[in-house]
Amino acid sequence: MRTLPEGLQAHLDRGATTLCWCWKLAGAQGLSLGFTDHDESLEFDGLVFEASSGFSSSEIQSSLGLNVDNLEASGALSSNRLKEEDLRAGRFDDALVEIWLVNWMNTSERLLLRKGNLGEITRGASSFTAEVRGLSHHLNQPQGRIYQYGCDAALGDARCRVDLSSPLYRAEAQVVIAESSQRFAASGLGEFAQGWFARGRLEWTSGANVARAMEVRSHLSEGTRTIIELWQQMAAKVEEGDRFVITAGCDKQFSTCRKKFSNALNFRGFPHMPGNDFVLSYATHD
C-alpha cells in the first residue's frame, strides 16, 4: 500500500484537485529533461518540466512478484530539447524515467509513481513511442558467463587484449561518395581485405556526426571502390569529405581469433564443447 505525502493527501481530500503528470528523462552524459502535460512549465528538484511538449502515456499497470511492469510514453518531437537525432544517436537508450503526479499549484505536493528505464523506441516522421520498463527488467538480463562456442569478450577489452590502436586493425578514412547516411564509398581503405572491418566500429572525426559512432554491417570492394555499410543510419547526414576512424571487426569465432588477430590464447569461448549430435549419441559396439 502506497503512503501519500501529507500535503498531497490533504489536497486530494478536498475533492477538487489541480493535478498533472510530469516525466523526467535522465539519459547519457548527465543529460536530464523534464516534460509535463500541464499547460505551463513547472520546476522542482532543480529541473524545469517543459509544457506543450506533446507527451502522453498509456495506462500504468503494476503487477505482483518479479514480472516486468510496462507502459508506453508517446509524444511529438516538438520540444527544442528532445530531438530526433538524439533518439537516433542512442542518447536516451535505457534512460532512467521518473513519472510524477504533481499538484501544479504547489509542486512540493507530489508523488513519484513509477521509476523505470526506456526500452524499445519507435520513431515516426514527427513523433515517437517509447516503452517504459519497470526496474525489475534488469533481472531478465544475463549475468555472468555463458557456456557457448563464441567468445563473450568485447574486441580490444582487458579480457581480449587485442591492441586496436595497431595499424593492422585501425584506419583513418574519408567519404568520397555518400549514397545515404548508412552506406557510402570511402578512400583510405584499399590495402585492407574485403570484410576486414565488418562487425567493427566506425567513429566520425568530422562532419555533422562528429564524435558519434556506429557498428559496421559490411565492408565490400566494388571494383576500385571500398563500400562501407552501417547497421543503422547516422543521426545526421553523411556527406562527401566527412572523415572517420574505423576498427576491425570480429565474428567471435575461434578460427577468426587465431588467424585474424593471432590471439587464440585469449579466446573467451568454448570452441571444443560437444554439440547436440554428441549429446544425443549413444554407445555402439560391433
C-alpha atoms as a PDB file:
ATOM      1  CA  MET A   1       0.000   0.000   0.000  1.00  0.00           C
ATOM      2  CA  ARG A   2       1.390   3.379  -1.017  1.00  0.00           C
ATOM      3  CA  THR A   3       1.530   6.153   1.578  1.00  0.00           C
ATOM      4  CA  LEU A   4       0.828   9.616   0.176  1.00  0.00           C
ATOM      5  CA  PRO A   5       2.728  12.687   1.375  1.00  0.00           C
ATOM      6  CA  GLU A   6       0.669  14.595   3.938  1.00  0.00           C
ATOM      7  CA  GLY A   7       0.269  17.700   1.779  1.00  0.00           C
ATOM      8  CA  LEU A   8      -0.804  15.742  -1.301  1.00  0.00           C
ATOM      9  CA  GLN A   9      -3.261  13.654   0.738  1.00  0.00           C
ATOM     10  CA  ALA A  10      -4.861  16.827   2.111  1.00  0.00           C
ATOM     11  CA  HIS A  11      -5.134  18.196  -1.423  1.00  0.00           C
ATOM     12  CA  LEU A  12      -6.891  15.019  -2.634  1.00  0.00           C
ATOM     13  CA  ASP A  13      -9.264  15.085   0.327  1.00  0.00           C
ATOM     14  CA  ARG A  14     -10.615  18.458  -0.824  1.00  0.00           C
ATOM     15  CA  GLY A  15     -12.300  16.794  -3.804  1.00  0.00           C
ATOM     16  CA  ALA A  16     -11.371  19.417  -6.413  1.00  0.00           C
ATOM     17  CA  THR A  17      -7.761  18.880  -7.464  1.00  0.00           C
ATOM     18  CA  THR A  18      -5.134  20.631  -9.561  1.00  0.00           C
ATOM     19  CA  LEU A  19      -3.042  17.641 -10.615  1.00  0.00           C
ATOM     20  CA  CYS A  20      -0.863  16.965 -13.635  1.00  0.00           C
ATOM     21  CA  TRP A  21       1.698  14.445 -14.833  1.00  0.00           C
ATOM     22  CA  CYS A  22       5.434  15.092 -15.071  1.00  0.00           C
ATOM     23  CA  TRP A  23       8.064  12.941 -16.750  1.00  0.00           C
ATOM     24  CA  LYS A  24      11.803  13.093 -16.142  1.00  0.00           C
ATOM     25  CA  LEU A  25      14.300  11.545 -18.567  1.00  0.00           C
ATOM     26  CA  ALA A  26      17.891  11.057 -17.394  1.00  0.00           C
ATOM     27  CA  GLY A  27      19.978   9.991 -20.389  1.00  0.00           C
ATOM     28  CA  ALA A  28      23.643   9.549 -21.174  1.00  0.00           C
ATOM     29  CA  GLN A  29      26.338  12.106 -20.352  1.00  0.00           C
ATOM     30  CA  GLY A  30      24.306  13.580 -17.485  1.00  0.00           C
ATOM     31  CA  LEU A  31      21.553  14.819 -19.818  1.00  0.00           C
ATOM     32  CA  SER A  32      18.243  15.303 -17.941  1.00  0.00           C
ATOM     33  CA  LEU A  33      14.988  16.546 -19.476  1.00  0.00           C
ATOM     34  CA  GLY A  34      11.596  17.228 -17.916  1.00  0.00           C
ATOM     35  CA  PHE A  35       8.141  17.329 -19.518  1.00  0.00           C
ATOM     36  CA  THR A  36       4.607  17.855 -18.258  1.00  0.00           C
ATOM     37  CA  ASP A  37       1.063  17.642 -19.645  1.00  0.00           C
ATOM     38  CA  HIS A  38       0.193  20.872 -17.807  1.00  0.00           C
ATOM     39  CA  ASP A  39      -0.280  23.998 -19.929  1.00  0.00           C
ATOM     40  CA  GLU A  40       2.531  25.839 -18.131  1.00  0.00           C
ATOM     41  CA  SER A  41       6.081  24.732 -17.363  1.00  0.00           C
ATOM     42  CA  LEU A  42       6.805  23.583 -13.801  1.00  0.00           C
ATOM     43  CA  GLU A  43      10.003  23.367 -11.784  1.00  0.00           C
ATOM     44  CA  PHE A  44      11.108  21.142  -8.904  1.00  0.00           C
ATOM     45  CA  ASP A  45      14.267  19.284  -7.882  1.00  0.00           C
ATOM     46  CA  GLY A  46      16.265  21.819  -9.894  1.00  0.00           C
ATOM     47  CA  LEU A  47      14.701  20.750 -13.222  1.00  0.00           C
ATOM     48  CA  VAL A  48      12.262  22.576 -15.488  1.00  0.00           C
ATOM     49  CA  PHE A  49       9.408  20.387 -16.751  1.00  0.00           C
ATOM     50  CA  GLU A  50       8.508  21.755 -20.142  1.00  0.00           C
ATOM     51  CA  ALA A  51       4.852  22.267 -21.089  1.00  0.00           C
ATOM     52  CA  SER A  52       3.309  21.795 -24.547  1.00  0.00           C
ATOM     53  CA  SER A  53       5.775  19.036 -25.374  1.00  0.00           C
ATOM     54  CA  GLY A  54       3.142  16.636 -26.703  1.00  0.00           C
ATOM     55  CA  PHE A  55       3.935  13.942 -24.139  1.00  0.00           C
ATOM     56  CA  SER A  56       1.287  11.404 -23.142  1.00  0.00           C
ATOM     57  CA  SER A  57       1.330   7.921 -21.627  1.00  0.00           C
ATOM     58  CA  SER A  58      -0.688   4.742 -21.589  1.00  0.00           C
ATOM     59  CA  GLU A  59      -2.343   3.215 -18.534  1.00  0.00           C
ATOM     60  CA  ILE A  60       0.138   2.376 -15.768  1.00  0.00           C
ATOM     61  CA  GLN A  61      -0.164  -1.231 -14.655  1.00  0.00           C
ATOM     62  CA  SER A  62       1.523  -2.786 -11.629  1.00  0.00           C
ATOM     63  CA  SER A  63       1.947  -6.494 -11.001  1.00  0.00           C
ATOM     64  CA  LEU A  64       2.960  -8.625  -8.055  1.00  0.00           C
ATOM     65  CA  GLY A  65       6.191 -10.622  -7.945  1.00  0.00           C
ATOM     66  CA  LEU A  66       9.079 -10.058 -10.336  1.00  0.00           C
ATOM     67  CA  ASN A  67       7.077  -9.555 -13.524  1.00  0.00           C
ATOM     68  CA  VAL A  68       8.242  -6.552 -15.542  1.00  0.00           C
ATOM     69  CA  ASP A  69       5.800  -3.628 -15.393  1.00  0.00           C
ATOM     70  CA  ASN A  70       5.480  -1.844 -18.722  1.00  0.00           C
ATOM     71  CA  LEU A  71       3.765   1.223 -20.084  1.00  0.00           C
ATOM     72  CA  GLU A  72       4.208   3.371 -23.167  1.00  0.00           C
ATOM     73  CA  ALA A  73       5.104   7.043 -23.426  1.00  0.00           C
ATOM     74  CA  SER A  74       4.470   8.802 -26.691  1.00  0.00           C
ATOM     75  CA  GLY A  75       4.938  12.327 -27.916  1.00  0.00           C
ATOM     76  CA  ALA A  76       5.504  14.692 -30.768  1.00  0.00           C
ATOM     77  CA  LEU A  77       9.030  15.866 -31.449  1.00  0.00           C
ATOM     78  CA  SER A  78       8.045  19.443 -30.723  1.00  0.00           C
ATOM     79  CA  SER A  79      10.484  20.180 -27.920  1.00  0.00           C
ATOM     80  CA  ASN A  80      13.643  22.088 -28.711  1.00  0.00           C
ATOM     81  CA  ARG A  81      15.454  19.853 -26.214  1.00  0.00           C
ATOM     82  CA  LEU A  82      14.158  16.463 -27.392  1.00  0.00           C
ATOM     83  CA  LYS A  83      15.304  15.926 -30.960  1.00  0.00           C
ATOM     84  CA  GLU A  84      15.017  13.038 -33.384  1.00  0.00           C
ATOM     85  CA  GLU A  85      18.771  12.947 -33.928  1.00  0.00           C
ATOM     86  CA  ASP A  86      19.293  12.439 -30.169  1.00  0.00           C
ATOM     87  CA  LEU A  87      16.951   9.443 -30.205  1.00  0.00           C
ATOM     88  CA  ARG A  88      18.659   8.019 -33.293  1.00  0.00           C
ATOM     89  CA  ALA A  89      22.101   8.556 -31.780  1.00  0.00           C
ATOM     90  CA  GLY A  90      21.125   6.482 -28.747  1.00  0.00           C
ATOM     91  CA  ARG A  91      21.493   9.263 -26.193  1.00  0.00           C
ATOM     92  CA  PHE A  92      18.343   8.078 -24.436  1.00  0.00           C
ATOM     93  CA  ASP A  93      18.874   4.306 -24.729  1.00  0.00           C
ATOM     94  CA  ASP A  94      17.990   2.718 -21.366  1.00  0.00           C
ATOM     95  CA  ALA A  95      17.493   6.219 -19.930  1.00  0.00           C
ATOM     96  CA  LEU A  96      16.105   6.426 -16.406  1.00  0.00           C
ATOM     97  CA  VAL A  97      12.446   7.524 -16.395  1.00  0.00           C
ATOM     98  CA  GLU A  98      10.572   9.003 -13.447  1.00  0.00           C
ATOM     99  CA  ILE A  99       6.811   9.589 -13.585  1.00  0.00           C
ATOM    100  CA  TRP A 100       5.394  12.054 -11.065  1.00  0.00           C
ATOM    101  CA  LEU A 101       1.891  13.042 -10.028  1.00  0.00           C
ATOM    102  CA  VAL A 102       2.167  16.734  -9.150  1.00  0.00           C
ATOM    103  CA  ASN A 103      -0.065  19.454  -7.788  1.00  0.00           C
ATOM    104  CA  TRP A 104       0.720  22.234 -10.225  1.00  0.00           C
ATOM    105  CA  MET A 105      -0.464  24.859  -7.718  1.00  0.00           C
ATOM    106  CA  ASN A 106       2.178  23.667  -5.233  1.00  0.00           C
ATOM    107  CA  THR A 107       4.854  21.418  -6.719  1.00  0.00           C
ATOM    108  CA  SER A 108       6.077  20.394  -3.261  1.00  0.00           C
ATOM    109  CA  GLU A 109       2.923  18.245  -3.153  1.00  0.00           C
ATOM    110  CA  ARG A 110       3.944  15.453  -5.489  1.00  0.00           C
ATOM    111  CA  LEU A 111       4.295  11.689  -5.604  1.00  0.00           C
ATOM    112  CA  LEU A 112       6.762   9.519  -7.536  1.00  0.00           C
ATOM    113  CA  LEU A 113       4.512   6.877  -9.083  1.00  0.00           C
ATOM    114  CA  ARG A 114       6.918   4.925 -11.233  1.00  0.00           C
ATOM    115  CA  LYS A 115      10.618   4.646 -11.978  1.00  0.00           C
ATOM    116  CA  GLY A 116      12.000   2.582 -14.822  1.00  0.00           C
ATOM    117  CA  ASN A 117      14.069   2.605 -17.994  1.00  0.00           C
ATOM    118  CA  LEU A 118      13.358   3.366 -21.623  1.00  0.00           C
ATOM    119  CA  GLY A 119      13.061   0.224 -23.720  1.00  0.00           C
ATOM    120  CA  GLU A 120      12.305  -0.024 -27.421  1.00  0.00           C
ATOM    121  CA  ILE A 121      11.781   3.334 -29.173  1.00  0.00           C
ATOM    122  CA  THR A 122       9.716   3.514 -32.367  1.00  0.00           C
ATOM    123  CA  ARG A 123      10.167   6.716 -34.372  1.00  0.00           C
ATOM    124  CA  GLY A 124       7.807   8.211 -36.925  1.00  0.00           C
ATOM    125  CA  ALA A 125       8.083  11.225 -39.191  1.00  0.00           C
ATOM    126  CA  SER A 126       7.410  13.688 -36.376  1.00  0.00           C
ATOM    127  CA  SER A 127       6.646  11.603 -33.286  1.00  0.00           C
ATOM    128  CA  PHE A 128       7.860   8.666 -31.256  1.00  0.00           C
ATOM    129  CA  THR A 129       6.583   5.918 -28.965  1.00  0.00           C
ATOM    130  CA  ALA A 130       8.828   4.578 -26.207  1.00  0.00           C
ATOM    131  CA  GLU A 131       8.388   1.547 -23.994  1.00  0.00           C
ATOM    132  CA  VAL A 132       8.994   2.240 -20.302  1.00  0.00           C
ATOM    133  CA  ARG A 133      10.126  -0.866 -18.436  1.00  0.00           C
ATOM    134  CA  GLY A 134       9.993  -1.397 -14.693  1.00  0.00           C
ATOM    135  CA  LEU A 135      13.266  -1.705 -12.803  1.00  0.00           C
ATOM    136  CA  SER A 136      12.763  -5.466 -12.470  1.00  0.00           C
ATOM    137  CA  HIS A 137      13.591  -5.882 -16.177  1.00  0.00           C
ATOM    138  CA  HIS A 138      17.274  -5.883 -15.151  1.00  0.00           C
ATOM    139  CA  LEU A 139      16.643  -9.271 -13.533  1.00  0.00           C
ATOM    140  CA  ASN A 140      15.939 -10.686 -17.012  1.00  0.00           C
ATOM    141  CA  GLN A 141      19.394  -9.746 -18.286  1.00  0.00           C
ATOM    142  CA  PRO A 142      22.077 -12.468 -18.488  1.00  0.00           C
ATOM    143  CA  GLN A 143      24.558 -12.371 -15.626  1.00  0.00           C
ATOM    144  CA  GLY A 144      27.986 -13.975 -15.633  1.00  0.00           C
ATOM    145  CA  ARG A 145      29.409 -16.034 -18.477  1.00  0.00           C
ATOM    146  CA  ILE A 146      27.536 -18.258 -20.923  1.00  0.00           C
ATOM    147  CA  TYR A 147      28.841 -21.671 -21.955  1.00  0.00           C
ATOM    148  CA  GLN A 148      28.940 -21.247 -25.751  1.00  0.00           C
ATOM    149  CA  TYR A 149      31.105 -21.649 -28.835  1.00  0.00           C
ATOM    150  CA  GLY A 150      31.572 -17.941 -29.439  1.00  0.00           C
ATOM    151  CA  CYS A 151      33.791 -15.551 -27.496  1.00  0.00           C
ATOM    152  CA  ASP A 152      31.987 -13.376 -24.938  1.00  0.00           C
ATOM    153  CA  ALA A 153      34.684 -10.690 -24.664  1.00  0.00           C
ATOM    154  CA  ALA A 154      34.458  -7.330 -26.403  1.00  0.00           C
ATOM    155  CA  LEU A 155      37.169  -6.904 -29.021  1.00  0.00           C
ATOM    156  CA  GLY A 156      40.063  -4.942 -27.515  1.00  0.00           C
ATOM    157  CA  ASP A 157      38.915  -5.073 -23.876  1.00  0.00           C
ATOM    158  CA  ALA A 158      41.001  -6.242 -20.901  1.00  0.00           C
ATOM    159  CA  ARG A 159      39.969  -9.862 -21.423  1.00  0.00           C
ATOM    160  CA  CYS A 160      40.571  -9.869 -25.175  1.00  0.00           C
ATOM    161  CA  ARG A 161      43.827  -7.856 -25.102  1.00  0.00           C
ATOM    162  CA  VAL A 162      43.929  -7.162 -28.853  1.00  0.00           C
ATOM    163  CA  ASP A 163      45.587  -3.778 -29.449  1.00  0.00           C
ATOM    164  CA  LEU A 164      43.081  -1.913 -31.618  1.00  0.00           C
ATOM    165  CA  SER A 165      45.453   1.043 -31.941  1.00  0.00           C
ATOM    166  CA  SER A 166      47.680  -1.077 -34.188  1.00  0.00           C
ATOM    167  CA  PRO A 167      47.680  -0.066 -37.893  1.00  0.00           C
ATOM    168  CA  LEU A 168      46.690  -3.652 -38.642  1.00  0.00           C
ATOM    169  CA  TYR A 169      43.285  -3.120 -37.039  1.00  0.00           C
ATOM    170  CA  ARG A 170      42.677   0.614 -37.309  1.00  0.00           C
ATOM    171  CA  ALA A 171      42.486   3.058 -40.203  1.00  0.00           C
ATOM    172  CA  GLU A 172      41.558   6.659 -40.914  1.00  0.00           C
ATOM    173  CA  ALA A 173      39.411   7.163 -43.992  1.00  0.00           C
ATOM    174  CA  GLN A 174      37.225   9.685 -45.797  1.00  0.00           C
ATOM    175  CA  VAL A 175      33.852   9.561 -47.526  1.00  0.00           C
ATOM    176  CA  VAL A 176      34.136  10.063 -51.284  1.00  0.00           C
ATOM    177  CA  ILE A 177      30.564   9.198 -52.342  1.00  0.00           C
ATOM    178  CA  ALA A 178      27.662   9.269 -49.894  1.00  0.00           C
ATOM    179  CA  GLU A 179      24.829   7.074 -51.142  1.00  0.00           C
ATOM    180  CA  SER A 180      22.960   7.585 -47.857  1.00  0.00           C
ATOM    181  CA  SER A 181      23.631   8.152 -44.170  1.00  0.00           C
ATOM    182  CA  GLN A 182      24.080   4.399 -43.856  1.00  0.00           C
ATOM    183  CA  ARG A 183      26.025   3.393 -46.974  1.00  0.00           C
ATOM    184  CA  PHE A 184      28.918   5.230 -48.635  1.00  0.00           C
ATOM    185  CA  ALA A 185      32.157   4.805 -50.575  1.00  0.00           C
ATOM    186  CA  ALA A 186      35.392   5.634 -48.767  1.00  0.00           C
ATOM    187  CA  SER A 187      39.050   6.237 -49.569  1.00  0.00           C
ATOM    188  CA  GLY A 188      41.985   5.138 -47.445  1.00  0.00           C
ATOM    189  CA  LEU A 189      40.962   1.501 -47.005  1.00  0.00           C
ATOM    190  CA  GLY A 190      42.290  -0.026 -50.234  1.00  0.00           C
ATOM    191  CA  GLU A 191      45.083  -2.000 -48.543  1.00  0.00           C
ATOM    192  CA  PHE A 192      42.648  -3.963 -46.341  1.00  0.00           C
ATOM    193  CA  ALA A 193      40.971  -7.176 -47.458  1.00  0.00           C
ATOM    194  CA  GLN A 194      37.239  -7.195 -48.118  1.00  0.00           C
ATOM    195  CA  GLY A 195      35.286  -7.816 -44.931  1.00  0.00           C
ATOM    196  CA  TRP A 196      38.175  -6.801 -42.655  1.00  0.00           C
ATOM    197  CA  PHE A 197      36.098  -4.098 -40.949  1.00  0.00           C
ATOM    198  CA  ALA A 198      32.744  -5.935 -40.989  1.00  0.00           C
ATOM    199  CA  ARG A 199      31.307  -6.054 -37.442  1.00  0.00           C
ATOM    200  CA  GLY A 200      33.796  -3.364 -36.455  1.00  0.00           C
ATOM    201  CA  ARG A 201      33.227   0.138 -35.133  1.00  0.00           C
ATOM    202  CA  LEU A 202      33.237   3.442 -37.001  1.00  0.00           C
ATOM    203  CA  GLU A 203      33.630   6.787 -35.237  1.00  0.00           C
ATOM    204  CA  TRP A 204      33.278  10.104 -37.061  1.00  0.00           C
ATOM    205  CA  THR A 205      36.025  12.687 -36.624  1.00  0.00           C
ATOM    206  CA  SER A 206      34.485  15.422 -38.788  1.00  0.00           C
ATOM    207  CA  GLY A 207      31.186  16.393 -40.337  1.00  0.00           C
ATOM    208  CA  ALA A 208      27.692  16.601 -38.839  1.00  0.00           C
ATOM    209  CA  ASN A 209      28.154  13.289 -36.959  1.00  0.00           C
ATOM    210  CA  VAL A 210      31.459  14.157 -35.298  1.00  0.00           C
ATOM    211  CA  ALA A 211      32.123  12.124 -32.101  1.00  0.00           C
ATOM    212  CA  ARG A 212      29.268   9.732 -32.892  1.00  0.00           C
ATOM    213  CA  ALA A 213      29.886   6.051 -33.561  1.00  0.00           C
ATOM    214  CA  MET A 214      28.120   3.127 -35.221  1.00  0.00           C
ATOM    215  CA  GLU A 215      28.746  -0.591 -35.819  1.00  0.00           C
ATOM    216  CA  VAL A 216      29.790  -1.632 -39.317  1.00  0.00           C
ATOM    217  CA  ARG A 217      27.487  -4.059 -41.096  1.00  0.00           C
ATOM    218  CA  SER A 218      29.600  -4.766 -44.165  1.00  0.00           C
ATOM    219  CA  HIS A 219      32.898  -3.832 -45.797  1.00  0.00           C
ATOM    220  CA  LEU A 220      32.871  -4.525 -49.547  1.00  0.00           C
ATOM    221  CA  SER A 221      35.122  -3.947 -52.531  1.00  0.00           C
ATOM    222  CA  GLU A 222      33.262  -2.966 -55.694  1.00  0.00           C
ATOM    223  CA  GLY A 223      35.838  -2.517 -58.429  1.00  0.00           C
ATOM    224  CA  THR A 224      38.142   0.259 -57.278  1.00  0.00           C
ATOM    225  CA  ARG A 225      35.682   1.471 -54.649  1.00  0.00           C
ATOM    226  CA  THR A 226      35.501   0.490 -50.985  1.00  0.00           C
ATOM    227  CA  ILE A 227      31.910   0.417 -49.719  1.00  0.00           C
ATOM    228  CA  ILE A 228      31.060   0.730 -46.031  1.00  0.00           C
ATOM    229  CA  GLU A 229      27.536  -0.023 -44.817  1.00  0.00           C
ATOM    230  CA  LEU A 230      26.476   0.657 -41.230  1.00  0.00           C
ATOM    231  CA  TRP A 231      23.896  -1.237 -39.215  1.00  0.00           C
ATOM    232  CA  GLN A 232      21.742   1.881 -38.846  1.00  0.00           C
ATOM    233  CA  GLN A 233      21.550   5.300 -40.425  1.00  0.00           C
ATOM    234  CA  MET A 234      23.528   8.012 -38.710  1.00  0.00           C
ATOM    235  CA  ALA A 235      21.591  10.681 -36.855  1.00  0.00           C
ATOM    236  CA  ALA A 236      22.828  13.437 -39.190  1.00  0.00           C
ATOM    237  CA  LYS A 237      23.524  13.461 -42.914  1.00  0.00           C
ATOM    238  CA  VAL A 238      26.765  11.877 -44.135  1.00  0.00           C
ATOM    239  CA  GLU A 239      28.443  13.974 -46.811  1.00  0.00           C
ATOM    240  CA  GLU A 240      31.450  13.785 -49.104  1.00  0.00           C
ATOM    241  CA  GLY A 241      34.626  14.722 -47.235  1.00  0.00           C
ATOM    242  CA  ASP A 242      33.483  13.501 -43.831  1.00  0.00           C
ATOM    243  CA  ARG A 243      36.340  11.724 -42.075  1.00  0.00           C
ATOM    244  CA  PHE A 244      36.186   8.771 -39.706  1.00  0.00           C
ATOM    245  CA  VAL A 245      38.234   6.186 -37.819  1.00  0.00           C
ATOM    246  CA  ILE A 246      37.302   2.560 -38.346  1.00  0.00           C
ATOM    247  CA  THR A 247      38.447  -0.504 -36.403  1.00  0.00           C
ATOM    248  CA  ALA A 248      38.450  -4.157 -37.417  1.00  0.00           C
ATOM    249  CA  GLY A 249      35.558  -6.417 -36.549  1.00  0.00           C
ATOM    250  CA  CYS A 250      35.362  -9.876 -35.028  1.00  0.00           C
ATOM    251  CA  ASP A 251      32.718 -12.590 -35.504  1.00  0.00           C
ATOM    252  CA  LYS A 252      33.616 -14.156 -32.105  1.00  0.00           C
ATOM    253  CA  GLN A 253      34.764 -17.439 -33.677  1.00  0.00           C
ATOM    254  CA  PHE A 254      37.924 -19.266 -32.596  1.00  0.00           C
ATOM    255  CA  SER A 255      39.264 -19.523 -36.165  1.00  0.00           C
ATOM    256  CA  THR A 256      38.962 -15.743 -36.590  1.00  0.00           C
ATOM    257  CA  CYS A 257      40.659 -15.105 -33.259  1.00  0.00           C
ATOM    258  CA  ARG A 258      43.565 -17.339 -34.272  1.00  0.00           C
ATOM    259  CA  LYS A 259      44.025 -16.298 -37.901  1.00  0.00           C
ATOM    260  CA  LYS A 260      42.986 -12.636 -37.971  1.00  0.00           C
ATOM    261  CA  PHE A 261      44.178 -11.474 -34.562  1.00  0.00           C
ATOM    262  CA  SER A 262      46.754 -14.145 -33.558  1.00  0.00           C
ATOM    263  CA  ASN A 263      45.014 -14.134 -30.191  1.00  0.00           C
ATOM    264  CA  ALA A 264      43.970 -17.750 -29.610  1.00  0.00           C
ATOM    265  CA  LEU A 265      45.370 -17.811 -26.064  1.00  0.00           C
ATOM    266  CA  ASN A 266      42.896 -15.110 -25.019  1.00  0.00           C
ATOM    267  CA  PHE A 267      39.836 -16.588 -26.731  1.00  0.00           C
ATOM    268  CA  ARG A 268      36.952 -16.412 -24.239  1.00  0.00           C
ATOM    269  CA  GLY A 269      34.629 -19.010 -25.730  1.00  0.00           C
ATOM    270  CA  PHE A 270      34.472 -22.805 -25.635  1.00  0.00           C
ATOM    271  CA  PRO A 271      35.266 -23.939 -29.198  1.00  0.00           C
ATOM    272  CA  HIS A 272      35.602 -27.609 -28.295  1.00  0.00           C
ATOM    273  CA  MET A 273      32.350 -28.017 -26.382  1.00  0.00           C
ATOM    274  CA  PRO A 274      30.265 -31.009 -27.542  1.00  0.00           C
ATOM    275  CA  GLY A 275      27.349 -30.270 -29.841  1.00  0.00           C
ATOM    276  CA  ASN A 276      23.817 -31.637 -29.980  1.00  0.00           C
ATOM    277  CA  ASP A 277      24.876 -34.676 -32.034  1.00  0.00           C
ATOM    278  CA  PHE A 278      27.312 -35.722 -29.305  1.00  0.00           C
ATOM    279  CA  VAL A 279      24.798 -35.141 -26.530  1.00  0.00           C
ATOM    280  CA  LEU A 280      22.169 -37.305 -28.268  1.00  0.00           C
ATOM    281  CA  SER A 281      24.578 -40.032 -29.309  1.00  0.00           C
ATOM    282  CA  TYR A 282      24.797 -43.425 -27.602  1.00  0.00           C
ATOM    283  CA  ALA A 283      27.361 -46.143 -27.264  1.00  0.00           C
ATOM    284  CA  THR A 284      27.584 -48.723 -30.049  1.00  0.00           C
ATOM    285  CA  HIS A 285      29.561 -51.893 -30.485  1.00  0.00           C
ATOM    286  CA  ASP A 286      30.384 -54.125 -33.439  1.00  0.00           C
END
